[in-house]
Amino acid sequence: MSEPASPSPAFLLIDRAAVLFCGVAAGIAIGLAFAPQLQSLLGDGAPMAIAGAAPAQAVDSDGLPQAVAAAADVPAGLARAVAEQRPYRIGVFGDSFGDGLWAALYGQLPRREAFQVLRYSEQATGFTRYSQANLEERLAATLAEGPVDVAVISFGANDTQGIYVGGKVAPLLSSRWRTEIAARITRYIDLLRGQGASVVWVGLPVMRDARYQAQVQGLNAFYAELMAELGVPFIDTSRAAVDGNGRYASHLPGPDGVPYLVRAGDGIHMSMKGYRLLTAALATRLRAWGQAARAGKPVTPDLVPPPAPLQAEPAAEATSVEPALAAEPEAPPPAEPPASVPAEAAPATDTPSAPTQLLPPAAQTPPQPPQAEPAEPRL
């Protein structure tokens, strides 16, 4: 039997070219399916520019927006607490930044003045991550535990990514992204207001990485505009922890001229002193409101809430993080919030995370630079 004829060189060249073309076409198809930037070409238009700055707002000498600083009346929730003869319940909501704000406010709002600072923040959460944690459902469960008089909110560090809306990708800060995220945030704030809470939104500070900084400040502008529509005070922190030229600074000069650390080593989070810098003016105003709500009446022992449980394992480690917080004598100070990168920088996983523990930054694994938008955005 004769051997089959070998294909000609020309046929082999055409065949290999076809395989190469199919491979390239498949790669493009996969990219279009998962990359928000490319997906926008198919249905939502080009992604909107993400660089931006929060709109200017009138502030007082402490940097608080006039909606907070010039309020003539004590927040209704604080007055309600006095009428119900219970402590002021200050709820802090957010992601890992919320953890830091909670720790700072816990040290700045003394229990002896009837302040109970409640930690409702959770790391690696955000309004773009509802497949991982639906913030509205969690908030409804939280509010069933008891009222919140003043809600301090800070989200966004994990939200620099696209989302799925109606089965299609909506790139970061595109029109469909804005519409959907605004609806989620509005419902969230309505839940808090519906049970009598006064709400304050705390923006994010300047970031070290240039691309992440552009995205974060774009988010800040979006949050500030939305809060103005909702009548919620927006505290702009983009001018905190910066050098004389308004750029990222890891250290700031102290009153004695000696620089002190205000940022964590990842270039994203704050040190404990940095978080206290962001919340100092708000804490001062809350204390003044608390005193006004009591109308000069002293705080009786039954109004002093119990200390919050420590969130770090070794007590010695927790108490050595920030000596300045030892001014609060009734309870050990909270540990330094973790210096972890936004969750979108980590690979996706369906494995439940271990319980959150607030450990000093030195105990954390050095983070990788944040990834702006994952290949496959998670709701």
Protein backbone atom coordinates (compact mmCIF):
# COMPACT_ATOMS: atom_id res chain seq x y z
CA MET A 1 0.00 0.00 0.00
CA SER A 2 1.40 3.40 -0.89
CA GLU A 3 2.15 5.99 1.81
CA PRO A 4 -0.32 8.93 1.99
CA ALA A 5 0.92 12.06 0.37
CA SER A 6 2.43 14.65 2.77
CA PRO A 7 0.61 17.99 2.91
CA SER A 8 2.27 20.75 0.99
CA PRO A 9 4.25 23.46 2.85
CA ALA A 10 1.70 26.05 1.73
CA PHE A 11 -1.15 24.06 3.32
CA LEU A 12 0.77 23.74 6.59
CA LEU A 13 1.40 27.48 6.65
CA ILE A 14 -2.29 28.24 6.10
CA ASP A 15 -3.33 25.69 8.73
CA ARG A 16 -0.97 27.09 11.39
CA ALA A 17 -2.04 30.62 10.58
CA ALA A 18 -5.66 29.57 11.11
CA VAL A 19 -4.81 28.07 14.50
CA LEU A 20 -2.96 31.23 15.49
CA PHE A 21 -5.90 33.39 14.38
CA CYS A 22 -8.35 31.25 16.37
CA GLY A 23 -6.13 31.55 19.45
CA VAL A 24 -5.93 35.33 19.15
CA ALA A 25 -9.68 35.55 18.56
CA ALA A 26 -10.35 33.41 21.65
CA GLY A 27 -8.06 35.62 23.73
CA ILE A 28 -9.89 38.74 22.59
CA ALA A 29 -13.25 37.15 23.35
CA ILE A 30 -12.13 36.23 26.86
CA GLY A 31 -10.79 39.72 27.40
CA LEU A 32 -14.05 41.28 26.25
CA ALA A 33 -16.00 39.02 28.56
CA PHE A 34 -14.07 39.85 31.72
CA ALA A 35 -12.34 43.24 31.38
CA PRO A 36 -14.63 46.15 32.33
CA GLN A 37 -12.56 48.56 30.26
CA LEU A 38 -13.10 46.54 27.07
CA GLN A 39 -16.63 45.43 27.90
CA SER A 40 -17.66 49.07 27.91
CA LEU A 41 -17.12 49.17 24.15
CA LEU A 42 -19.96 46.69 23.73
CA GLY A 43 -22.74 48.46 25.55
CA ASP A 44 -22.03 51.13 28.13
CA GLY A 45 -19.74 53.48 26.29
CA ALA A 46 -16.20 54.39 27.25
CA PRO A 47 -15.44 54.36 30.98
CA MET A 48 -15.74 57.76 32.58
CA ALA A 49 -12.57 59.48 33.74
CA ILE A 50 -11.86 58.43 37.29
CA ALA A 51 -9.56 61.22 38.35
CA GLY A 52 -11.28 63.97 40.25
CA ALA A 53 -11.60 65.81 43.52
CA ALA A 54 -14.39 66.22 45.99
CA PRO A 55 -16.32 69.45 45.35
CA ALA A 56 -15.43 72.35 47.58
CA GLN A 57 -17.62 72.79 50.63
CA ALA A 58 -17.80 75.33 53.42
CA VAL A 59 -15.98 74.17 56.52
CA ASP A 60 -15.23 75.59 59.93
CA SER A 61 -11.81 76.15 61.51
CA ASP A 62 -11.62 72.45 62.45
CA GLY A 63 -12.29 71.34 58.89
CA LEU A 64 -15.79 70.03 59.58
CA PRO A 65 -18.46 70.68 56.92
CA GLN A 66 -20.95 73.35 57.85
CA ALA A 67 -23.69 70.71 57.92
CA VAL A 68 -21.93 69.37 61.02
CA ALA A 69 -20.12 72.39 62.36
CA ALA A 70 -22.94 74.93 62.26
CA ALA A 71 -25.77 72.67 63.36
CA ALA A 72 -27.83 74.57 65.89
CA ASP A 73 -29.51 71.51 67.34
CA VAL A 74 -28.13 68.45 69.05
CA PRO A 75 -28.55 65.36 66.83
CA ALA A 76 -31.94 63.81 67.51
CA GLY A 77 -30.39 60.47 68.38
CA LEU A 78 -28.37 61.95 71.26
CA ALA A 79 -31.44 63.67 72.64
CA ARG A 80 -33.32 60.38 72.33
CA ALA A 81 -30.62 58.59 74.31
CA VAL A 82 -30.95 61.11 77.14
CA ALA A 83 -34.72 60.70 77.17
CA GLU A 84 -34.35 56.91 77.27
CA GLN A 85 -31.69 57.15 80.00
CA ARG A 86 -29.06 55.14 78.14
CA PRO A 87 -25.57 55.75 76.68
CA TYR A 88 -25.04 57.51 73.36
CA ARG A 89 -24.65 54.77 70.73
CA ILE A 90 -22.13 55.86 68.07
CA GLY A 91 -21.98 53.25 65.29
CA VAL A 92 -18.97 53.11 62.97
CA PHE A 93 -19.64 51.42 59.62
CA GLY A 94 -17.20 50.63 56.84
CA ASP A 95 -14.34 48.41 55.74
CA SER A 96 -10.83 48.29 57.22
CA PHE A 97 -10.81 52.10 57.23
CA GLY A 98 -13.92 51.88 59.37
CA ASP A 99 -11.94 49.66 61.75
CA GLY A 100 -9.40 52.45 62.14
CA LEU A 101 -12.00 55.16 62.60
CA TRP A 102 -13.72 53.03 65.25
CA ALA A 103 -10.46 52.56 67.16
CA ALA A 104 -9.74 56.29 67.03
CA LEU A 105 -13.23 57.37 68.08
CA TYR A 106 -13.26 54.78 70.86
CA GLY A 107 -10.28 56.54 72.42
CA GLN A 108 -11.62 60.04 71.74
CA LEU A 109 -15.19 59.59 73.04
CA PRO A 110 -14.84 58.61 76.72
CA ARG A 111 -17.19 56.09 78.26
CA ARG A 112 -17.30 58.25 81.37
CA GLU A 113 -19.18 60.80 79.21
CA ALA A 114 -21.76 58.13 78.30
CA PHE A 115 -20.37 57.34 74.83
CA GLN A 116 -20.65 53.78 73.57
CA VAL A 117 -18.66 53.49 70.33
CA LEU A 118 -19.81 50.40 68.44
CA ARG A 119 -17.74 48.67 65.77
CA TYR A 120 -19.90 47.61 62.82
CA SER A 121 -17.12 47.76 60.23
CA GLU A 122 -15.83 44.69 58.44
CA GLN A 123 -12.68 44.27 56.38
CA ALA A 124 -12.79 43.55 52.62
CA THR A 125 -16.36 44.81 52.20
CA GLY A 126 -17.83 47.50 49.99
CA PHE A 127 -20.82 48.53 47.90
CA THR A 128 -19.35 46.79 44.83
CA ARG A 129 -19.06 43.45 46.67
CA TYR A 130 -22.59 42.32 47.34
CA SER A 131 -21.84 38.74 46.23
CA GLN A 132 -19.48 38.60 49.19
CA ALA A 133 -21.52 40.62 51.70
CA ASN A 134 -24.78 42.46 51.08
CA LEU A 135 -24.28 45.56 53.20
CA GLU A 136 -27.98 46.42 53.33
CA GLU A 137 -28.94 42.99 54.66
CA ARG A 138 -26.18 43.13 57.27
CA LEU A 139 -27.21 46.61 58.34
CA ALA A 140 -30.82 45.55 58.82
CA ALA A 141 -29.63 42.73 61.12
CA THR A 142 -27.35 45.15 63.00
CA LEU A 143 -30.10 47.67 63.63
CA ALA A 144 -32.31 44.92 65.03
CA GLU A 145 -29.80 44.65 67.91
CA GLY A 146 -30.42 48.21 69.07
CA PRO A 147 -30.61 51.82 67.90
CA VAL A 148 -27.72 53.81 66.47
CA ASP A 149 -27.77 57.49 67.41
CA VAL A 150 -24.95 58.74 65.17
CA ALA A 151 -23.61 56.67 62.24
CA VAL A 152 -20.07 57.34 61.01
CA ILE A 153 -19.52 55.71 57.61
CA SER A 154 -16.37 55.16 55.54
CA PHE A 155 -16.39 52.84 52.51
CA GLY A 156 -14.52 52.92 49.22
CA ALA A 157 -11.06 51.39 49.65
CA ASN A 158 -12.40 48.13 48.18
CA ASP A 159 -14.71 49.70 45.60
CA THR A 160 -12.27 50.70 42.84
CA GLN A 161 -13.73 48.11 40.46
CA GLY A 162 -16.58 47.52 38.07
CA ILE A 163 -19.81 45.70 38.87
CA TYR A 164 -22.38 43.63 37.01
CA VAL A 165 -25.68 45.40 36.31
CA GLY A 166 -28.33 43.43 34.46
CA GLY A 167 -25.79 40.82 33.40
CA LYS A 168 -23.44 43.39 31.85
CA VAL A 169 -20.29 44.92 33.25
CA ALA A 170 -20.54 48.53 34.40
CA PRO A 171 -16.99 49.94 34.60
CA LEU A 172 -15.85 51.96 37.60
CA LEU A 173 -17.63 55.34 37.75
CA SER A 174 -19.47 54.78 34.48
CA SER A 175 -23.05 56.03 34.33
CA ARG A 176 -24.57 52.62 35.12
CA TRP A 177 -22.04 52.07 37.92
CA ARG A 178 -22.96 55.42 39.48
CA THR A 179 -26.68 54.75 39.23
CA GLU A 180 -26.48 51.31 40.85
CA ILE A 181 -23.99 52.22 43.61
CA ALA A 182 -25.88 55.43 44.40
CA ALA A 183 -29.07 53.37 44.81
CA ARG A 184 -27.33 50.94 47.19
CA ILE A 185 -25.81 53.71 49.29
CA THR A 186 -29.10 55.64 49.39
CA ARG A 187 -30.99 52.58 50.67
CA TYR A 188 -28.24 52.01 53.25
CA ILE A 189 -28.47 55.56 54.58
CA ASP A 190 -32.28 55.44 54.53
CA LEU A 191 -32.14 52.37 56.80
CA LEU A 192 -30.03 54.28 59.31
CA ARG A 193 -32.14 57.41 59.18
CA GLY A 194 -35.30 55.37 59.40
CA GLN A 195 -34.39 54.28 62.92
CA GLY A 196 -33.32 57.78 63.97
CA ALA A 197 -29.58 57.96 63.28
CA SER A 198 -27.77 61.10 62.21
CA VAL A 199 -25.30 60.12 59.46
CA VAL A 200 -21.80 61.39 58.64
CA TRP A 201 -19.71 60.09 55.72
CA VAL A 202 -15.90 60.22 56.06
CA GLY A 203 -13.99 60.35 52.76
CA LEU A 204 -10.68 58.65 52.00
CA PRO A 205 -7.29 60.35 52.30
CA VAL A 206 -4.60 60.77 49.65
CA MET A 207 -3.00 57.49 48.57
CA ARG A 208 0.64 56.81 47.75
CA ASP A 209 0.12 54.87 44.50
CA ALA A 210 -0.68 57.32 41.69
CA ARG A 211 -3.25 55.18 39.87
CA TYR A 212 -5.02 54.14 43.05
CA GLN A 213 -4.99 57.78 44.19
CA ALA A 214 -6.77 58.87 41.00
CA GLN A 215 -9.43 56.21 41.49
CA VAL A 216 -9.93 57.00 45.19
CA GLN A 217 -10.31 60.72 44.58
CA GLY A 218 -12.79 59.95 41.80
CA LEU A 219 -14.75 57.95 44.36
CA ASN A 220 -14.50 60.80 46.87
CA ALA A 221 -16.00 63.20 44.33
CA PHE A 222 -18.83 60.75 43.66
CA TYR A 223 -19.50 60.27 47.40
CA ALA A 224 -19.40 64.02 48.09
CA GLU A 225 -21.92 64.75 45.32
CA LEU A 226 -24.22 61.97 46.48
CA MET A 227 -24.03 63.07 50.13
CA ALA A 228 -24.91 66.62 49.09
CA GLU A 229 -28.02 65.26 47.34
CA LEU A 230 -28.94 63.22 50.42
CA GLY A 231 -28.21 66.02 52.90
CA VAL A 232 -25.48 63.99 54.63
CA PRO A 233 -22.31 65.75 55.84
CA PHE A 234 -19.23 64.60 53.90
CA ILE A 235 -15.91 65.00 55.74
CA ASP A 236 -13.18 65.53 53.15
CA THR A 237 -9.92 63.99 54.43
CA SER A 238 -7.92 64.54 51.23
CA ARG A 239 -6.17 67.51 52.82
CA ALA A 240 -5.09 65.53 55.87
CA ALA A 241 -1.77 63.71 56.06
CA VAL A 242 -0.24 65.59 53.12
CA ASP A 243 2.94 67.62 52.77
CA GLY A 244 3.15 71.33 52.02
CA ASN A 245 2.42 70.65 48.36
CA GLY A 246 -0.67 68.57 49.06
CA ARG A 247 1.08 65.29 48.25
CA TYR A 248 1.08 62.00 50.13
CA ALA A 249 3.13 62.13 53.33
CA SER A 250 3.93 59.22 55.61
CA HIS A 251 5.03 61.53 58.45
CA LEU A 252 3.87 64.93 59.67
CA PRO A 253 5.72 67.36 61.95
CA GLY A 254 4.48 67.25 65.53
CA PRO A 255 4.02 70.25 67.85
CA ASP A 256 7.66 69.86 68.91
CA GLY A 257 8.83 69.72 65.31
CA VAL A 258 9.63 66.01 65.48
CA PRO A 259 7.95 64.06 62.64
CA TYR A 260 5.46 61.39 63.64
CA LEU A 261 4.03 58.51 61.61
CA VAL A 262 0.54 59.05 60.17
CA ARG A 263 0.33 56.33 57.50
CA ALA A 264 0.69 52.56 57.51
CA GLY A 265 3.47 50.95 55.50
CA ASP A 266 1.13 49.92 52.66
CA GLY A 267 0.62 53.53 51.56
CA ILE A 268 -3.13 53.07 51.93
CA HIS A 269 -4.17 52.84 55.57
CA MET A 270 -3.36 55.19 58.46
CA SER A 271 -1.38 54.72 61.64
CA MET A 272 -3.40 55.02 64.84
CA LYS A 273 -2.30 58.64 65.18
CA GLY A 274 -3.33 59.13 61.56
CA TYR A 275 -6.84 57.82 62.20
CA ARG A 276 -7.10 60.06 65.24
CA LEU A 277 -6.09 62.99 63.03
CA LEU A 278 -9.02 62.22 60.72
CA THR A 279 -11.57 61.97 63.54
CA ALA A 280 -10.35 64.60 66.04
CA ALA A 281 -12.68 67.42 64.96
CA LEU A 282 -15.71 65.13 64.73
CA ALA A 283 -14.99 63.66 68.17
CA THR A 284 -14.71 67.15 69.67
CA ARG A 285 -18.07 68.12 68.19
CA LEU A 286 -19.74 64.91 69.36
CA ARG A 287 -18.52 65.50 72.91
CA ALA A 288 -19.89 69.03 72.83
CA TRP A 289 -23.23 67.76 71.56
CA GLY A 290 -23.26 65.07 74.23
CA GLN A 291 -22.79 67.66 76.97
CA ALA A 292 -25.48 69.89 75.44
CA ALA A 293 -27.93 66.99 75.26
CA ARG A 294 -27.48 66.35 79.00
CA ALA A 295 -28.00 70.07 79.69
CA GLY A 296 -25.33 70.10 82.36
CA LYS A 297 -26.55 67.03 84.21
CA PRO A 298 -23.78 64.67 85.36
CA VAL A 299 -23.31 61.20 83.94
CA THR A 300 -24.51 58.64 86.47
CA PRO A 301 -22.79 55.23 86.74
CA ASP A 302 -25.69 53.46 85.03
CA LEU A 303 -25.01 55.51 81.87
CA VAL A 304 -21.36 54.40 81.59
CA PRO A 305 -21.25 51.53 79.07
CA PRO A 306 -19.00 48.51 79.54
CA PRO A 307 -15.64 48.51 77.75
CA ALA A 308 -15.52 47.12 74.26
CA PRO A 309 -13.91 43.68 73.97
CA LEU A 310 -10.35 43.71 72.73
CA GLN A 311 -9.98 42.73 69.09
CA ALA A 312 -6.38 41.55 69.33
CA GLU A 313 -5.25 38.31 70.91
CA PRO A 314 -2.38 39.16 73.28
CA ALA A 315 -3.43 41.92 75.69
CA ALA A 316 0.16 43.09 75.99
CA GLU A 317 0.36 43.55 72.24
CA ALA A 318 -2.85 45.56 72.20
CA THR A 319 -1.90 47.86 75.04
CA SER A 320 1.52 48.64 73.60
CA VAL A 321 0.33 49.82 70.20
CA GLU A 322 -0.60 53.41 71.00
CA PRO A 323 0.43 54.75 74.42
CA ALA A 324 -1.47 58.01 73.86
CA LEU A 325 -4.76 56.14 74.04
CA ALA A 326 -4.04 55.22 77.65
CA ALA A 327 -5.66 58.53 78.60
CA GLU A 328 -8.92 56.58 78.64
CA PRO A 329 -8.52 54.93 82.06
CA GLU A 330 -11.61 52.73 82.19
CA ALA A 331 -10.68 50.33 79.38
CA PRO A 332 -7.60 49.12 77.50
CA PRO A 333 -7.23 50.92 74.17
CA PRO A 334 -8.10 49.21 70.89
CA ALA A 335 -5.25 47.65 68.96
CA GLU A 336 -3.83 49.20 65.81
CA PRO A 337 -6.13 48.41 62.84
CA PRO A 338 -4.57 46.08 60.28
CA ALA A 339 -2.54 47.58 57.45
CA SER A 340 -4.03 45.33 54.80
CA VAL A 341 -4.47 46.26 51.16
CA PRO A 342 -7.95 46.61 49.66
CA ALA A 343 -9.52 43.23 49.09
CA GLU A 344 -9.55 43.60 45.32
CA ALA A 345 -5.76 43.27 45.43
CA ALA A 346 -6.07 39.74 46.76
CA PRO A 347 -7.11 36.74 44.67
CA ALA A 348 -10.76 35.78 44.85
CA THR A 349 -11.64 32.98 47.20
CA ASP A 350 -14.78 31.25 48.34
CA THR A 351 -13.20 30.15 51.60
CA PRO A 352 -14.69 31.94 54.63
CA SER A 353 -12.15 34.24 56.23
CA ALA A 354 -11.02 33.82 59.80
CA PRO A 355 -12.53 36.12 62.43
CA THR A 356 -11.18 39.66 62.17
CA GLN A 357 -8.36 40.46 64.57
CA LEU A 358 -6.89 43.92 64.86
CA LEU A 359 -3.15 43.38 64.85
CA PRO A 360 -0.32 45.92 64.68
CA PRO A 361 0.95 46.72 61.16
CA ALA A 362 4.27 45.04 61.95
CA ALA A 363 2.47 41.72 62.27
CA GLN A 364 1.04 41.93 58.76
CA THR A 365 2.52 40.50 55.57
CA PRO A 366 3.85 43.34 53.37
CA PRO A 367 1.06 44.10 50.88
CA GLN A 368 1.31 44.11 47.12
CA PRO A 369 0.38 47.24 45.11
CA PRO A 370 -3.43 47.53 44.78
CA GLN A 371 -5.05 46.28 41.59
CA ALA A 372 -7.48 48.87 40.36
CA GLU A 373 -10.06 46.65 38.68
CA PRO A 374 -10.06 42.85 38.88
CA ALA A 375 -10.29 40.83 35.70
CA GLU A 376 -13.71 39.67 36.85
CA PRO A 377 -15.46 42.22 39.08
CA ARG A 378 -17.27 40.78 42.07
CA LEU A 379 -20.63 42.12 43.21
